[in-house]
Amino acid sequence: MSPANDNSPRLMGRREAAAYLGIGQSTFSLWVSTYKMPAAIAGTRKWDKRAIDAKLDEISGLQSANDNTEDEFERWEREQNARKTQGSS
């Protein structure tokens, strides 16, 4: 289901976040404390579903669509570094 069609709440408590991941609450707490999952939103006891998805993609070796994009500066920088490497060979 795409995010546009997902009517479920974006913010989740610890119990909902753990259930969303299919793990126990104590495991979720451990994952948060060891940075496998993002921390709760500052000043709340709620987690952002998209942040959980992004972190899960990261630890699973998947890339989000944003990871595949390269802006003009990044492309220029990569090309400059490649030229420097070729010039020093």
PDB file of N, CA and C in Angstrom:
ATOM      1  N   MET A   1       0.846  -1.171   0.000  1.00  0.00           N
ATOM      2  CA  MET A   1       0.000   0.000   0.000  1.00  0.00           C
ATOM      3  C   MET A   1       0.891   1.233   0.000  1.00  0.00           C
ATOM      4  N   SER A   2       0.609   2.171  -0.839  1.00  0.00           N
ATOM      5  CA  SER A   2       1.417   3.381  -0.893  1.00  0.00           C
ATOM      6  C   SER A   2       1.042   4.308   0.255  1.00  0.00           C
ATOM      7  N   PRO A   3       1.983   5.168   0.685  1.00  0.00           N
ATOM      8  CA  PRO A   3       1.694   6.071   1.790  1.00  0.00           C
ATOM      9  C   PRO A   3       0.472   6.948   1.538  1.00  0.00           C
ATOM     10  N   ALA A   4       0.204   7.306   0.292  1.00  0.00           N
ATOM     11  CA  ALA A   4      -0.945   8.148  -0.021  1.00  0.00           C
ATOM     12  C   ALA A   4      -2.258   7.445   0.301  1.00  0.00           C
ATOM     13  N   ASN A   5      -2.287   6.119   0.229  1.00  0.00           N
ATOM     14  CA  ASN A   5      -3.506   5.362   0.492  1.00  0.00           C
ATOM     15  C   ASN A   5      -3.559   4.793   1.902  1.00  0.00           C
ATOM     16  N   ASP A   6      -2.532   5.001   2.687  1.00  0.00           N
ATOM     17  CA  ASP A   6      -2.455   4.451   4.033  1.00  0.00           C
ATOM     18  C   ASP A   6      -3.112   5.420   5.009  1.00  0.00           C
ATOM     19  N   ASN A   7      -4.246   5.024   5.558  1.00  0.00           N
ATOM     20  CA  ASN A   7      -4.970   5.895   6.476  1.00  0.00           C
ATOM     21  C   ASN A   7      -4.611   5.658   7.933  1.00  0.00           C
ATOM     22  N   SER A   8      -3.658   4.775   8.213  1.00  0.00           N
ATOM     23  CA  SER A   8      -3.278   4.521   9.599  1.00  0.00           C
ATOM     24  C   SER A   8      -2.478   5.713  10.130  1.00  0.00           C
ATOM     25  N   PRO A   9      -2.498   5.915  11.449  1.00  0.00           N
ATOM     26  CA  PRO A   9      -1.752   7.043  12.024  1.00  0.00           C
ATOM     27  C   PRO A   9      -0.261   6.928  11.727  1.00  0.00           C
ATOM     28  N   ARG A  10       0.362   8.062  11.452  1.00  0.00           N
ATOM     29  CA  ARG A  10       1.793   8.061  11.160  1.00  0.00           C
ATOM     30  C   ARG A  10       2.622   7.913  12.432  1.00  0.00           C
ATOM     31  N   LEU A  11       2.136   8.446  13.541  1.00  0.00           N
ATOM     32  CA  LEU A  11       2.852   8.332  14.805  1.00  0.00           C
ATOM     33  C   LEU A  11       2.351   7.128  15.573  1.00  0.00           C
ATOM     34  N   MET A  12       3.281   6.424  16.225  1.00  0.00           N
ATOM     35  CA  MET A  12       2.935   5.207  16.958  1.00  0.00           C
ATOM     36  C   MET A  12       3.606   5.225  18.319  1.00  0.00           C
ATOM     37  N   GLY A  13       2.922   4.653  19.299  1.00  0.00           N
ATOM     38  CA  GLY A  13       3.528   4.433  20.604  1.00  0.00           C
ATOM     39  C   GLY A  13       4.434   3.217  20.542  1.00  0.00           C
ATOM     40  N   ARG A  14       5.111   2.928  21.649  1.00  0.00           N
ATOM     41  CA  ARG A  14       6.046   1.800  21.704  1.00  0.00           C
ATOM     42  C   ARG A  14       5.352   0.487  21.342  1.00  0.00           C
ATOM     43  N   ARG A  15       4.176   0.250  21.903  1.00  0.00           N
ATOM     44  CA  ARG A  15       3.455  -1.004  21.649  1.00  0.00           C
ATOM     45  C   ARG A  15       3.110  -1.138  20.161  1.00  0.00           C
ATOM     46  N   GLU A  16       2.587  -0.060  19.572  1.00  0.00           N
ATOM     47  CA  GLU A  16       2.222  -0.101  18.149  1.00  0.00           C
ATOM     48  C   GLU A  16       3.450  -0.252  17.254  1.00  0.00           C
ATOM     49  N   ALA A  17       4.530   0.447  17.611  1.00  0.00           N
ATOM     50  CA  ALA A  17       5.758   0.355  16.808  1.00  0.00           C
ATOM     51  C   ALA A  17       6.328  -1.059  16.845  1.00  0.00           C
ATOM     52  N   ALA A  18       6.327  -1.660  18.028  1.00  0.00           N
ATOM     53  CA  ALA A  18       6.825  -3.033  18.151  1.00  0.00           C
ATOM     54  C   ALA A  18       5.950  -3.984  17.346  1.00  0.00           C
ATOM     55  N   ALA A  19       4.631  -3.828  17.458  1.00  0.00           N
ATOM     56  CA  ALA A  19       3.714  -4.688  16.703  1.00  0.00           C
ATOM     57  C   ALA A  19       3.899  -4.479  15.201  1.00  0.00           C
ATOM     58  N   TYR A  20       4.103  -3.239  14.777  1.00  0.00           N
ATOM     59  CA  TYR A  20       4.319  -2.919  13.364  1.00  0.00           C
ATOM     60  C   TYR A  20       5.532  -3.675  12.824  1.00  0.00           C
ATOM     61  N   LEU A  21       6.570  -3.800  13.663  1.00  0.00           N
ATOM     62  CA  LEU A  21       7.788  -4.506  13.259  1.00  0.00           C
ATOM     63  C   LEU A  21       7.714  -6.006  13.499  1.00  0.00           C
ATOM     64  N   GLY A  22       6.686  -6.440  14.221  1.00  0.00           N
ATOM     65  CA  GLY A  22       6.549  -7.867  14.506  1.00  0.00           C
ATOM     66  C   GLY A  22       7.501  -8.351  15.586  1.00  0.00           C
ATOM     67  N   ILE A  23       7.857  -7.472  16.509  1.00  0.00           N
ATOM     68  CA  ILE A  23       8.768  -7.815  17.601  1.00  0.00           C
ATOM     69  C   ILE A  23       8.119  -7.427  18.927  1.00  0.00           C
ATOM     70  N   GLY A  24       8.705  -7.880  20.018  1.00  0.00           N
ATOM     71  CA  GLY A  24       8.205  -7.523  21.337  1.00  0.00           C
ATOM     72  C   GLY A  24       8.613  -6.112  21.732  1.00  0.00           C
ATOM     73  N   GLN A  25       7.908  -5.573  22.718  1.00  0.00           N
ATOM     74  CA  GLN A  25       8.218  -4.219  23.180  1.00  0.00           C
ATOM     75  C   GLN A  25       9.625  -4.124  23.767  1.00  0.00           C
ATOM     76  N   SER A  26      10.058  -5.155  24.476  1.00  0.00           N
ATOM     77  CA  SER A  26      11.405  -5.115  25.058  1.00  0.00           C
ATOM     78  C   SER A  26      12.471  -5.149  23.962  1.00  0.00           C
ATOM     79  N   THR A  27      12.217  -5.911  22.898  1.00  0.00           N
ATOM     80  CA  THR A  27      13.155  -5.935  21.766  1.00  0.00           C
ATOM     81  C   THR A  27      13.179  -4.577  21.080  1.00  0.00           C
ATOM     82  N   PHE A  28      12.003  -3.971  20.912  1.00  0.00           N
ATOM     83  CA  PHE A  28      11.948  -2.639  20.302  1.00  0.00           C
ATOM     84  C   PHE A  28      12.752  -1.646  21.147  1.00  0.00           C
ATOM     85  N   SER A  29      12.577  -1.692  22.462  1.00  0.00           N
ATOM     86  CA  SER A  29      13.327  -0.792  23.355  1.00  0.00           C
ATOM     87  C   SER A  29      14.829  -1.016  23.218  1.00  0.00           C
ATOM     88  N   LEU A  30      15.243  -2.271  23.119  1.00  0.00           N
ATOM     89  CA  LEU A  30      16.659  -2.589  22.931  1.00  0.00           C
ATOM     90  C   LEU A  30      17.156  -2.025  21.607  1.00  0.00           C
ATOM     91  N   TRP A  31      16.383  -2.205  20.556  1.00  0.00           N
ATOM     92  CA  TRP A  31      16.775  -1.692  19.237  1.00  0.00           C
ATOM     93  C   TRP A  31      16.895  -0.174  19.256  1.00  0.00           C
ATOM     94  N   VAL A  32      15.999   0.505  19.966  1.00  0.00           N
ATOM     95  CA  VAL A  32      16.082   1.967  20.066  1.00  0.00           C
ATOM     96  C   VAL A  32      17.344   2.354  20.829  1.00  0.00           C
ATOM     97  N   SER A  33      17.629   1.670  21.926  1.00  0.00           N
ATOM     98  CA  SER A  33      18.800   2.019  22.743  1.00  0.00           C
ATOM     99  C   SER A  33      20.121   1.717  22.043  1.00  0.00           C
ATOM    100  N   THR A  34      20.106   0.793  21.077  1.00  0.00           N
ATOM    101  CA  THR A  34      21.326   0.461  20.326  1.00  0.00           C
ATOM    102  C   THR A  34      21.325   1.080  18.925  1.00  0.00           C
ATOM    103  N   TYR A  35      20.407   2.024  18.704  1.00  0.00           N
ATOM    104  CA  TYR A  35      20.319   2.806  17.466  1.00  0.00           C
ATOM    105  C   TYR A  35      19.947   1.987  16.236  1.00  0.00           C
ATOM    106  N   LYS A  36      19.395   0.793  16.424  1.00  0.00           N
ATOM    107  CA  LYS A  36      18.877   0.037  15.284  1.00  0.00           C
ATOM    108  C   LYS A  36      17.554   0.631  14.821  1.00  0.00           C
ATOM    109  N   MET A  37      16.876   1.317  15.729  1.00  0.00           N
ATOM    110  CA  MET A  37      15.638   2.022  15.423  1.00  0.00           C
ATOM    111  C   MET A  37      15.788   3.459  15.892  1.00  0.00           C
ATOM    112  N   PRO A  38      15.050   4.381  15.261  1.00  0.00           N
ATOM    113  CA  PRO A  38      15.164   5.787  15.662  1.00  0.00           C
ATOM    114  C   PRO A  38      14.597   6.013  17.057  1.00  0.00           C
ATOM    115  N   ALA A  39      15.024   7.094  17.677  1.00  0.00           N
ATOM    116  CA  ALA A  39      14.482   7.483  18.978  1.00  0.00           C
ATOM    117  C   ALA A  39      13.075   8.043  18.782  1.00  0.00           C
ATOM    118  N   ALA A  40      12.344   8.113  19.875  1.00  0.00           N
ATOM    119  CA  ALA A  40      11.022   8.738  19.835  1.00  0.00           C
ATOM    120  C   ALA A  40      11.188  10.209  19.459  1.00  0.00           C
ATOM    121  N   ILE A  41      10.147  10.790  18.905  1.00  0.00           N
ATOM    122  CA  ILE A  41      10.164  12.210  18.570  1.00  0.00           C
ATOM    123  C   ILE A  41      10.360  12.993  19.865  1.00  0.00           C
ATOM    124  N   ALA A  42      11.240  13.970  19.831  1.00  0.00           N
ATOM    125  CA  ALA A  42      11.578  14.744  21.029  1.00  0.00           C
ATOM    126  C   ALA A  42      10.325  15.273  21.720  1.00  0.00           C
ATOM    127  N   GLY A  43      10.280  15.073  23.024  1.00  0.00           N
ATOM    128  CA  GLY A  43       9.166  15.564  23.819  1.00  0.00           C
ATOM    129  C   GLY A  43       7.926  14.693  23.781  1.00  0.00           C
ATOM    130  N   THR A  44       8.027  13.542  23.114  1.00  0.00           N
ATOM    131  CA  THR A  44       6.879  12.638  23.011  1.00  0.00           C
ATOM    132  C   THR A  44       7.323  11.219  23.324  1.00  0.00           C
ATOM    133  N   ARG A  45       6.372  10.341  23.348  1.00  0.00           N
ATOM    134  CA  ARG A  45       6.648   8.902  23.422  1.00  0.00           C
ATOM    135  C   ARG A  45       6.095   8.248  22.162  1.00  0.00           C
ATOM    136  N   LYS A  46       6.289   8.942  21.047  1.00  0.00           N
ATOM    137  CA  LYS A  46       5.768   8.479  19.761  1.00  0.00           C
ATOM    138  C   LYS A  46       6.898   8.364  18.753  1.00  0.00           C
ATOM    139  N   TRP A  47       6.762   7.366  17.884  1.00  0.00           N
ATOM    140  CA  TRP A  47       7.718   7.143  16.809  1.00  0.00           C
ATOM    141  C   TRP A  47       7.043   7.415  15.481  1.00  0.00           C
ATOM    142  N   ASP A  48       7.807   7.947  14.537  1.00  0.00           N
ATOM    143  CA  ASP A  48       7.317   8.231  13.192  1.00  0.00           C
ATOM    144  C   ASP A  48       7.444   6.962  12.355  1.00  0.00           C
ATOM    145  N   LYS A  49       6.342   6.524  11.784  1.00  0.00           N
ATOM    146  CA  LYS A  49       6.333   5.297  10.977  1.00  0.00           C
ATOM    147  C   LYS A  49       7.337   5.382   9.828  1.00  0.00           C
ATOM    148  N   ARG A  50       7.429   6.542   9.185  1.00  0.00           N
ATOM    149  CA  ARG A  50       8.361   6.685   8.059  1.00  0.00           C
ATOM    150  C   ARG A  50       9.814   6.597   8.520  1.00  0.00           C
ATOM    151  N   ALA A  51      10.110   7.129   9.703  1.00  0.00           N
ATOM    152  CA  ALA A  51      11.474   7.028  10.237  1.00  0.00           C
ATOM    153  C   ALA A  51      11.811   5.574  10.551  1.00  0.00           C
ATOM    154  N   ILE A  52      10.828   4.836  11.069  1.00  0.00           N
ATOM    155  CA  ILE A  52      11.031   3.410  11.335  1.00  0.00           C
ATOM    156  C   ILE A  52      11.273   2.675  10.022  1.00  0.00           C
ATOM    157  N   ASP A  53      10.459   2.970   9.008  1.00  0.00           N
ATOM    158  CA  ASP A  53      10.633   2.330   7.699  1.00  0.00           C
ATOM    159  C   ASP A  53      12.010   2.635   7.115  1.00  0.00           C
ATOM    160  N   ALA A  54      12.441   3.894   7.207  1.00  0.00           N
ATOM    161  CA  ALA A  54      13.742   4.282   6.654  1.00  0.00           C
ATOM    162  C   ALA A  54      14.877   3.567   7.381  1.00  0.00           C
ATOM    163  N   LYS A  55      14.784   3.470   8.699  1.00  0.00           N
ATOM    164  CA  LYS A  55      15.827   2.788   9.467  1.00  0.00           C
ATOM    165  C   LYS A  55      15.827   1.298   9.151  1.00  0.00           C
ATOM    166  N   LEU A  56      14.651   0.716   9.007  1.00  0.00           N
ATOM    167  CA  LEU A  56      14.556  -0.698   8.656  1.00  0.00           C
ATOM    168  C   LEU A  56      15.150  -0.942   7.268  1.00  0.00           C
ATOM    169  N   ASP A  57      14.869  -0.050   6.313  1.00  0.00           N
ATOM    170  CA  ASP A  57      15.478  -0.158   4.984  1.00  0.00           C
ATOM    171  C   ASP A  57      16.999  -0.105   5.085  1.00  0.00           C
ATOM    172  N   GLU A  58      17.495   0.801   5.916  1.00  0.00           N
ATOM    173  CA  GLU A  58      18.943   0.957   6.080  1.00  0.00           C
ATOM    174  C   GLU A  58      19.584  -0.306   6.647  1.00  0.00           C
ATOM    175  N   ILE A  59      19.024  -0.860   7.715  1.00  0.00           N
ATOM    176  CA  ILE A  59      19.653  -2.031   8.327  1.00  0.00           C
ATOM    177  C   ILE A  59      19.413  -3.300   7.523  1.00  0.00           C
ATOM    178  N   SER A  60      18.415  -3.273   6.636  1.00  0.00           N
ATOM    179  CA  SER A  60      18.142  -4.433   5.786  1.00  0.00           C
ATOM    180  C   SER A  60      18.968  -4.415   4.510  1.00  0.00           C
ATOM    181  N   GLY A  61      19.663  -3.299   4.267  1.00  0.00           N
ATOM    182  CA  GLY A  61      20.459  -3.181   3.056  1.00  0.00           C
ATOM    183  C   GLY A  61      19.676  -2.650   1.873  1.00  0.00           C
ATOM    184  N   LEU A  62      18.447  -2.226   2.110  1.00  0.00           N
ATOM    185  CA  LEU A  62      17.642  -1.633   1.050  1.00  0.00           C
ATOM    186  C   LEU A  62      17.913  -0.147   1.003  1.00  0.00           C
ATOM    187  N   GLN A  63      17.693   0.447  -0.145  1.00  0.00           N
ATOM    188  CA  GLN A  63      17.860   1.889  -0.271  1.00  0.00           C
ATOM    189  C   GLN A  63      16.513   2.513  -0.526  1.00  0.00           C
ATOM    190  N   SER A  64      16.276   3.661   0.083  1.00  0.00           N
ATOM    191  CA  SER A  64      15.049   4.383  -0.215  1.00  0.00           C
ATOM    192  C   SER A  64      15.251   5.154  -1.512  1.00  0.00           C
ATOM    193  N   ALA A  65      14.169   5.659  -2.073  1.00  0.00           N
ATOM    194  CA  ALA A  65      14.250   6.408  -3.328  1.00  0.00           C
ATOM    195  C   ALA A  65      15.155   7.622  -3.170  1.00  0.00           C
ATOM    196  N   ASN A  66      15.177   8.239  -1.998  1.00  0.00           N
ATOM    197  CA  ASN A  66      16.008   9.415  -1.768  1.00  0.00           C
ATOM    198  C   ASN A  66      17.489   9.088  -1.806  1.00  0.00           C
ATOM    199  N   ASP A  67      17.860   7.862  -1.461  1.00  0.00           N
ATOM    200  CA  ASP A  67      19.268   7.477  -1.461  1.00  0.00           C
ATOM    201  C   ASP A  67      19.822   7.361  -2.877  1.00  0.00           C
ATOM    202  N   ASN A  68      18.952   7.156  -3.851  1.00  0.00           N
ATOM    203  CA  ASN A  68      19.397   6.950  -5.224  1.00  0.00           C
ATOM    204  C   ASN A  68      19.591   8.252  -5.982  1.00  0.00           C
ATOM    205  N   THR A  69      19.168   9.362  -5.417  1.00  0.00           N
ATOM    206  CA  THR A  69      19.277  10.621  -6.129  1.00  0.00           C
ATOM    207  C   THR A  69      20.592  11.294  -5.784  1.00  0.00           C
ATOM    208  N   GLU A  70      21.117  11.977  -6.764  1.00  0.00           N
ATOM    209  CA  GLU A  70      22.371  12.699  -6.594  1.00  0.00           C
ATOM    210  C   GLU A  70      22.139  14.106  -7.106  1.00  0.00           C
ATOM    211  N   ASP A  71      22.367  15.106  -6.261  1.00  0.00           N
ATOM    212  CA  ASP A  71      22.157  16.464  -6.732  1.00  0.00           C
ATOM    213  C   ASP A  71      23.357  16.914  -7.570  1.00  0.00           C
ATOM    214  N   GLU A  72      23.239  18.099  -8.158  1.00  0.00           N
ATOM    215  CA  GLU A  72      24.286  18.573  -9.068  1.00  0.00           C
ATOM    216  C   GLU A  72      25.640  18.709  -8.380  1.00  0.00           C
ATOM    217  N   PHE A  73      25.645  19.215  -7.153  1.00  0.00           N
ATOM    218  CA  PHE A  73      26.918  19.369  -6.441  1.00  0.00           C
ATOM    219  C   PHE A  73      27.556  18.020  -6.163  1.00  0.00           C
ATOM    220  N   GLU A  74      26.760  17.056  -5.721  1.00  0.00           N
ATOM    221  CA  GLU A  74      27.301  15.725  -5.436  1.00  0.00           C
ATOM    222  C   GLU A  74      27.882  15.087  -6.695  1.00  0.00           C
ATOM    223  N   ARG A  75      27.194  15.263  -7.819  1.00  0.00           N
ATOM    224  CA  ARG A  75      27.707  14.734  -9.084  1.00  0.00           C
ATOM    225  C   ARG A  75      29.014  15.425  -9.447  1.00  0.00           C
ATOM    226  N   TRP A  76      29.072  16.771  -9.333  1.00  0.00           N
ATOM    227  CA  TRP A  76      30.284  17.522  -9.636  1.00  0.00           C
ATOM    228  C   TRP A  76      31.431  17.060  -8.737  1.00  0.00           C
ATOM    229  N   GLU A  77      31.143  16.924  -7.435  1.00  0.00           N
ATOM    230  CA  GLU A  77      32.169  16.507  -6.484  1.00  0.00           C
ATOM    231  C   GLU A  77      32.695  15.114  -6.812  1.00  0.00           C
ATOM    232  N   ARG A  78      31.792  14.191  -7.146  1.00  0.00           N
ATOM    233  CA  ARG A  78      32.204  12.830  -7.507  1.00  0.00           C
ATOM    234  C   ARG A  78      33.090  12.852  -8.748  1.00  0.00           C
ATOM    235  N   GLU A  79      32.702  13.650  -9.753  1.00  0.00           N
ATOM    236  CA  GLU A  79      33.485  13.733 -10.986  1.00  0.00           C
ATOM    237  C   GLU A  79      34.853  14.364 -10.732  1.00  0.00           C
ATOM    238  N   GLN A  80      34.902  15.383  -9.869  1.00  0.00           N
ATOM    239  CA  GLN A  80      36.185  16.018  -9.535  1.00  0.00           C
ATOM    240  C   GLN A  80      37.109  15.026  -8.840  1.00  0.00           C
ATOM    241  N   ASN A  81      36.561  14.267  -7.916  1.00  0.00           N
ATOM    242  CA  ASN A  81      37.367  13.266  -7.209  1.00  0.00           C
ATOM    243  C   ASN A  81      37.860  12.184  -8.161  1.00  0.00           C
ATOM    244  N   ALA A  82      37.033  11.805  -9.118  1.00  0.00           N
ATOM    245  CA  ALA A  82      37.441  10.798 -10.101  1.00  0.00           C
ATOM    246  C   ALA A  82      38.577  11.338 -10.966  1.00  0.00           C
ATOM    247  N   ARG A  83      38.492  12.608 -11.359  1.00  0.00           N
ATOM    248  CA  ARG A  83      39.556  13.217 -12.169  1.00  0.00           C
ATOM    249  C   ARG A  83      40.870  13.287 -11.390  1.00  0.00           C
ATOM    250  N   LYS A  84      40.779  13.643 -10.108  1.00  0.00           N
ATOM    251  CA  LYS A  84      41.989  13.708  -9.278  1.00  0.00           C
ATOM    252  C   LYS A  84      42.633  12.338  -9.165  1.00  0.00           C
ATOM    253  N   THR A  85      41.806  11.319  -9.009  1.00  0.00           N
ATOM    254  CA  THR A  85      42.313   9.952  -8.894  1.00  0.00           C
ATOM    255  C   THR A  85      42.984   9.523 -10.190  1.00  0.00           C
ATOM    256  N   GLN A  86      42.374   9.860 -11.339  1.00  0.00           N
ATOM    257  CA  GLN A  86      42.950   9.494 -12.631  1.00  0.00           C
ATOM    258  C   GLN A  86      44.247  10.259 -12.883  1.00  0.00           C
ATOM    259  N   GLY A  87      44.300  11.514 -12.463  1.00  0.00           N
ATOM    260  CA  GLY A  87      45.482  12.340 -12.672  1.00  0.00           C
ATOM    261  C   GLY A  87      46.669  11.916 -11.836  1.00  0.00           C
ATOM    262  N   SER A  88      46.417  11.289 -10.693  1.00  0.00           N
ATOM    263  CA  SER A  88      47.521  10.889  -9.818  1.00  0.00           C
ATOM    264  C   SER A  88      48.013   9.485 -10.112  1.00  0.00           C
ATOM    265  N   SER A  89      47.410   8.805 -11.075  1.00  0.00           N
ATOM    266  CA  SER A  89      47.823   7.427 -11.407  1.00  0.00           C
ATOM    267  C   SER A  89      49.000   7.421 -12.333  1.00  0.00           C
TER     268      SER A  89
END
